[in-house]
Protein backbone atom coordinates (compact mmCIF):
# COMPACT_ATOMS: atom_id res chain seq x y z
CA MET A 1 16.94 39.95 21.65
CA LYS A 2 15.02 43.94 21.30
CA ASP A 3 11.72 44.39 21.15
CA LYS A 4 10.00 46.98 19.18
CA ALA A 5 6.52 48.28 19.39
CA GLY A 6 5.13 48.49 16.59
CA LYS A 7 1.22 50.07 16.00
CA PRO A 8 -0.38 48.34 12.68
CA GLY A 9 -4.11 48.72 12.71
CA ALA A 10 -5.54 49.21 15.94
CA GLY A 11 -3.33 46.62 17.94
CA ARG A 12 0.04 46.99 19.42
CA VAL A 13 2.44 43.92 17.82
CA LEU A 14 5.72 43.09 19.12
CA ARG A 15 8.36 43.22 17.21
CA THR A 16 11.09 41.11 18.12
CA ARG A 17 15.04 41.21 16.56
CA ILE A 18 17.80 38.16 16.99
CA LYS A 19 20.82 40.19 17.57
CA LYS A 20 23.27 39.31 14.78
CA LYS A 21 26.08 38.51 17.20
CA SER A 22 23.74 35.37 18.26
CA GLY A 23 25.89 32.87 17.05
CA LEU A 24 23.29 31.84 14.39
CA LYS A 25 23.93 31.64 10.30
CA GLU A 26 22.56 34.63 8.84
CA SER A 27 20.00 32.84 7.05
CA SER A 28 18.42 30.91 10.29
CA ARG A 29 18.49 34.44 12.35
CA ARG A 30 16.26 36.13 9.40
CA TRP A 31 13.87 33.09 9.87
CA LEU A 32 13.57 33.06 13.16
CA GLU A 33 13.08 36.90 13.11
CA ARG A 34 10.47 36.29 10.54
CA HIS A 35 8.97 33.32 12.52
CA MET A 36 8.85 35.28 15.92
CA ASN A 37 7.19 38.33 14.05
CA ASP A 38 4.84 36.27 12.18
CA PRO A 39 1.58 37.66 13.19
CA TYR A 40 -0.20 34.16 12.97
CA VAL A 41 2.68 32.75 15.20
CA GLN A 42 1.77 35.29 17.78
CA ARG A 43 -2.17 35.07 17.21
CA SER A 44 -1.81 31.27 17.52
CA LYS A 45 0.11 31.30 20.84
CA ALA A 46 -2.49 33.79 22.68
CA GLU A 47 -5.45 31.57 21.43
CA GLY A 48 -3.77 28.86 22.31
CA PHE A 49 -3.18 26.85 18.89
CA ARG A 50 0.00 24.46 18.23
CA SER A 51 0.75 25.72 15.19
CA ARG A 52 -0.05 29.18 12.78
CA ALA A 53 -0.86 25.88 10.52
CA ALA A 54 -4.45 25.98 12.20
CA TYR A 55 -5.71 29.39 10.80
CA LYS A 56 -5.37 28.00 7.63
CA LEU A 57 -7.98 25.23 8.24
CA ILE A 58 -9.98 27.77 10.06
CA GLU A 59 -9.81 30.30 7.13
CA ILE A 60 -10.81 27.31 4.71
CA ASP A 61 -13.55 26.13 6.55
CA ASP A 62 -15.05 29.87 6.90
CA ARG A 63 -15.14 30.28 3.17
CA HIS A 64 -16.18 26.59 2.48
CA LYS A 65 -17.98 25.12 5.38
CA LEU A 66 -16.03 21.64 5.30
CA LEU A 67 -16.54 21.46 9.12
CA LYS A 68 -19.81 20.68 11.16
CA PRO A 69 -21.07 19.68 14.62
CA GLY A 70 -21.60 15.81 14.82
CA GLN A 71 -19.42 15.08 12.03
CA ARG A 72 -16.41 12.26 11.78
CA VAL A 73 -12.47 13.85 11.06
CA ILE A 74 -9.87 11.90 10.04
CA ASP A 75 -6.65 14.15 10.40
CA LEU A 76 -3.26 13.12 8.25
CA GLY A 77 0.41 14.29 9.39
CA ALA A 78 -1.32 15.69 12.97
CA ALA A 79 1.60 17.12 14.47
CA PRO A 80 1.88 19.51 16.33
CA GLY A 81 -2.18 19.02 16.06
CA GLY A 82 -3.36 22.88 15.32
CA TRP A 83 -5.43 21.08 12.56
CA CYS A 84 -6.94 18.73 15.10
CA GLN A 85 -7.79 21.65 17.87
CA VAL A 86 -9.72 23.47 15.13
CA ALA A 87 -11.51 20.28 13.65
CA ALA A 88 -12.60 19.11 17.61
CA THR A 89 -13.80 22.68 17.97
CA ARG A 90 -15.99 22.88 14.52
CA THR A 91 -17.60 19.27 15.16
CA ARG A 92 -18.26 19.68 18.72
CA SER A 93 -16.26 16.50 19.73
CA THR A 94 -15.76 15.68 23.06
CA ASP A 95 -14.09 13.44 25.18
CA GLU A 96 -16.66 11.36 25.93
CA ARG A 97 -17.97 11.13 22.01
CA PRO A 98 -14.23 11.69 20.60
CA LEU A 99 -15.01 12.79 16.73
CA VAL A 100 -11.51 13.83 15.41
CA VAL A 101 -8.47 10.98 15.31
CA GLY A 102 -5.57 12.54 13.98
CA ILE A 103 -2.24 10.42 13.18
CA ASP A 104 1.16 11.43 13.26
CA TYR A 105 4.78 9.26 13.49
CA LEU A 106 5.72 12.25 15.87
CA GLU A 107 4.95 12.11 19.59
CA MET A 108 1.97 14.50 20.72
CA ASP A 109 0.67 15.92 23.64
CA PRO A 110 -3.11 14.65 24.32
CA ILE A 111 -5.49 17.06 22.85
CA PRO A 112 -9.15 17.39 24.73
CA ALA A 113 -11.26 15.67 22.69
CA VAL A 114 -9.52 14.12 20.35
CA VAL A 115 -7.43 10.38 19.71
CA LEU A 116 -4.18 10.73 18.17
CA LEU A 117 -2.53 7.67 16.91
CA LYS A 118 1.57 7.41 16.94
CA MET A 119 2.34 5.51 14.00
CA ASP A 120 3.13 6.19 10.51
CA PHE A 121 0.14 6.93 7.92
CA LEU A 122 2.18 4.95 5.33
CA GLU A 123 2.48 1.94 7.63
CA ASP A 124 0.16 -0.86 6.40
CA GLU A 125 -1.95 -1.50 9.24
CA ALA A 126 -2.82 2.71 9.62
CA PRO A 127 -5.93 3.19 7.39
CA ALA A 128 -7.83 0.13 9.63
CA ARG A 129 -6.38 1.41 13.14
CA LEU A 130 -7.94 5.35 11.64
CA VAL A 131 -11.38 3.85 11.02
CA GLU A 132 -11.32 1.83 14.00
CA ALA A 133 -10.17 4.41 16.32
CA LEU A 134 -12.98 6.92 14.56
CA GLY A 135 -15.50 4.26 15.54
CA GLY A 136 -16.70 4.01 11.60
CA ASP A 137 -16.00 5.90 8.13
CA PRO A 138 -15.64 9.77 8.13
CA ASP A 139 -16.89 12.90 6.70
CA VAL A 140 -14.13 14.81 6.03
CA VAL A 141 -10.34 13.62 5.40
CA LEU A 142 -7.36 16.44 6.06
CA SER A 143 -3.99 15.97 5.55
CA ASP A 144 -1.33 18.92 6.04
CA MET A 145 1.36 15.94 5.40
CA ALA A 146 4.75 16.88 3.89
CA ALA A 147 7.71 15.37 2.95
CA PRO A 148 11.09 16.65 5.10
CA THR A 149 12.48 19.05 3.00
CA THR A 150 15.65 18.22 1.00
CA GLY A 151 16.28 21.83 -0.36
CA HIS A 152 15.98 19.92 -3.62
CA ARG A 153 12.52 22.26 -5.00
CA ARG A 154 11.79 19.59 -7.48
CA THR A 155 11.98 16.49 -4.76
CA ASP A 156 10.61 17.63 -2.09
CA HIS A 157 7.67 18.63 -4.54
CA LEU A 158 7.42 15.11 -5.84
CA ARG A 159 7.92 13.62 -2.20
CA THR A 160 4.85 15.34 -1.04
CA MET A 161 2.80 15.02 -3.82
CA HIS A 162 3.17 11.06 -3.18
CA LEU A 163 1.99 11.21 0.33
CA CYS A 164 -0.97 13.47 -1.32
CA GLU A 165 -1.70 10.56 -3.48
CA VAL A 166 -1.58 8.35 -0.80
CA ALA A 167 -3.72 10.98 1.23
CA ALA A 168 -6.30 10.97 -1.80
CA ASP A 169 -6.68 6.75 -2.22
CA PHE A 170 -7.30 6.71 1.48
CA ALA A 171 -10.10 9.23 1.34
CA ILE A 172 -11.47 7.78 -1.78
CA SER A 173 -11.39 4.22 -0.07
CA VAL A 174 -13.42 5.48 3.49
CA LEU A 175 -15.48 8.76 2.99
CA LYS A 176 -19.26 8.76 3.38
CA PRO A 177 -21.17 9.71 0.66
CA GLY A 178 -21.45 13.82 0.67
CA GLY A 179 -17.93 13.83 2.47
CA HIS A 180 -15.21 16.68 1.49
CA PHE A 181 -11.15 16.34 1.20
CA LEU A 182 -8.43 18.49 1.80
CA ALA A 183 -4.98 17.94 1.24
CA LYS A 184 -1.61 20.04 0.88
CA THR A 185 0.49 20.33 -2.44
CA PHE A 186 2.86 22.28 -3.97
CA GLN A 187 3.11 24.31 -7.17
CA GLY A 188 4.56 22.51 -9.80
CA GLY A 189 2.59 20.64 -11.94
CA THR A 190 2.85 16.41 -12.16
CA GLU A 191 -0.53 16.37 -10.65
CA THR A 192 -2.79 15.64 -13.79
CA GLU A 193 -3.34 11.96 -12.99
CA LEU A 194 -4.34 12.68 -9.44
CA LEU A 195 -6.92 15.69 -10.53
CA THR A 196 -8.32 13.57 -12.85
CA ARG A 197 -8.99 10.65 -10.42
CA LEU A 198 -10.38 12.97 -7.78
CA LYS A 199 -13.12 15.17 -10.13
CA GLN A 200 -13.94 11.14 -10.96
CA HIS A 201 -14.97 10.92 -7.06
CA PHE A 202 -15.91 14.40 -5.94
CA ARG A 203 -18.36 16.73 -7.60
CA SER A 204 -16.16 19.65 -7.06
CA VAL A 205 -12.18 19.76 -6.69
CA SER A 206 -10.46 22.81 -6.93
CA HIS A 207 -6.96 24.61 -5.61
CA VAL A 208 -6.85 27.00 -2.57
CA LYS A 209 -4.46 29.26 -0.91
CA PRO A 210 -5.32 30.49 2.58
CA PRO A 211 -4.19 33.97 3.77
CA ALA A 212 -2.35 32.11 6.28
CA SER A 213 0.09 30.39 3.55
CA ARG A 214 2.39 32.86 3.43
CA ASP A 215 2.74 34.47 -0.11
CA GLU A 216 6.03 33.35 -0.90
CA SER A 217 5.07 29.51 -0.02
CA VAL A 218 4.76 27.43 -2.83
CA GLU A 219 2.15 25.17 -1.14
CA LEU A 220 -1.07 24.87 -2.38
CA TYR A 221 -4.23 23.27 -1.12
CA LEU A 222 -6.24 20.26 -2.65
CA LEU A 223 -9.93 20.64 -1.99
CA ALA A 224 -11.75 17.93 -3.14
CA ARG A 225 -15.81 18.17 -2.19
CA ASP A 226 -19.19 16.27 -1.77
CA PHE A 227 -17.72 12.84 -2.52
CA LYS A 228 -19.96 10.26 -5.24
CA GLY A 229 -19.49 7.33 -3.13
CA ARG A 230 -17.67 4.19 -4.14
């Protein structure tokens, strides 16, 4: 690997190049090189966040003011934990009074002031376990869940849309009045029924794409604000 110093803006950025004779496929080499040179990846390491995805939530929350001190938050598909870190900081969650619960079937290292459940959100008992661990109904439900990719864009879209729909059903069933729901989706249609349902239950529904979401990515986020209540 070779480091090349660049000087965009006022800071100093290290550019990392992966040698072509590294044993990687060319596509893998390009992806790894792009990932290692991603300013959000570099920033996340410097600032102690577990993933660049933390900045997607930070940018959305900075604009839309979803997370407030004292609120309870559930994070679906939480691994590796970047969104939980952001939510815990902005709600002022503590180890003595945790206000954030994350769930994922993947193993995660503990996060200060966050309760983590290692289980599949699609399991029947998951919703009740989440509310029990939180100690009450949430003010905010977050979901950065995406189905493992198959390489077939249409299939990947439909599978992730299913997760978004299940997350929306959960949010509608547990949110406090005035609460918010934020979930990953993909561009590509087939979400008319979901949007209609969300508009029935929330006063504002929109798509957002934060700057930290790569331009070439088809991901969007559905933001439903101000839950009307059940």
